[in-house]
Each structure stands twice: as C-alpha cells, then as structure tokens.
Amino acid sequence: MKESILVVLGSGFVSRIIMIPNVIANSRV
C-alpha cells in the first residue's frame, strides 16, 4: 500500500518537473 502511494507521488513529482519548463516557455511567448 505505501509503496503504491510512493509510486503515485513520484510520478506526479516527475510530471510537475517536466511541466514547469513548458509553463515558463509558454508564459515567455
């Protein structure tokens, strides 16, 4: 149970790190 939660949090964390540069690029344009 705890392991699956960590996997979900980890995947969400990675997706945020990937999204941040895209948001910055969109705001500049």
C-alpha atoms as a PDB file:
ATOM      1  CA  MET A   1       0.000   0.000   0.000  1.00  0.00           C
ATOM      2  CA  LYS A   2       2.655   2.537   0.995  1.00  0.00           C
ATOM      3  CA  GLU A   3       4.809   1.565  -1.980  1.00  0.00           C
ATOM      4  CA  SER A   4       1.988   2.249  -4.455  1.00  0.00           C
ATOM      5  CA  ILE A   5       1.423   5.656  -2.847  1.00  0.00           C
ATOM      6  CA  LEU A   6       5.118   6.482  -3.225  1.00  0.00           C
ATOM      7  CA  VAL A   7       4.965   5.481  -6.895  1.00  0.00           C
ATOM      8  CA  VAL A   8       1.974   7.768  -7.476  1.00  0.00           C
ATOM      9  CA  LEU A   9       3.642  10.677  -5.676  1.00  0.00           C
ATOM     10  CA  GLY A  10       6.903  10.056  -7.529  1.00  0.00           C
ATOM     11  CA  SER A  11       5.216  10.018 -10.932  1.00  0.00           C
ATOM     12  CA  GLY A  12       3.307  13.209 -10.086  1.00  0.00           C
ATOM     13  CA  PHE A  13       6.543  14.859  -8.936  1.00  0.00           C
ATOM     14  CA  VAL A  14       8.316  13.927 -12.172  1.00  0.00           C
ATOM     15  CA  SER A  15       5.403  15.170 -14.285  1.00  0.00           C
ATOM     16  CA  ARG A  16       5.497  18.526 -12.462  1.00  0.00           C
ATOM     17  CA  ILE A  17       9.231  18.905 -13.080  1.00  0.00           C
ATOM     18  CA  ILE A  18       8.576  18.230 -16.782  1.00  0.00           C
ATOM     19  CA  MET A  19       5.643  20.672 -16.854  1.00  0.00           C
ATOM     20  CA  ILE A  20       7.435  23.612 -15.178  1.00  0.00           C
ATOM     21  CA  PRO A  21       9.783  24.379 -18.147  1.00  0.00           C
ATOM     22  CA  ASN A  22       6.812  24.155 -20.525  1.00  0.00           C
ATOM     23  CA  VAL A  23       4.817  26.649 -18.428  1.00  0.00           C
ATOM     24  CA  ILE A  24       7.787  29.032 -18.334  1.00  0.00           C
ATOM     25  CA  ALA A  25       8.233  28.781 -22.110  1.00  0.00           C
ATOM     26  CA  ASN A  26       4.508  29.415 -22.672  1.00  0.00           C
ATOM     27  CA  SER A  27       4.497  32.455 -20.368  1.00  0.00           C
ATOM     28  CA  ARG A  28       7.504  33.954 -22.204  1.00  0.00           C
ATOM     29  CA  VAL A  29       5.783  33.625 -25.569  1.00  0.00           C
END
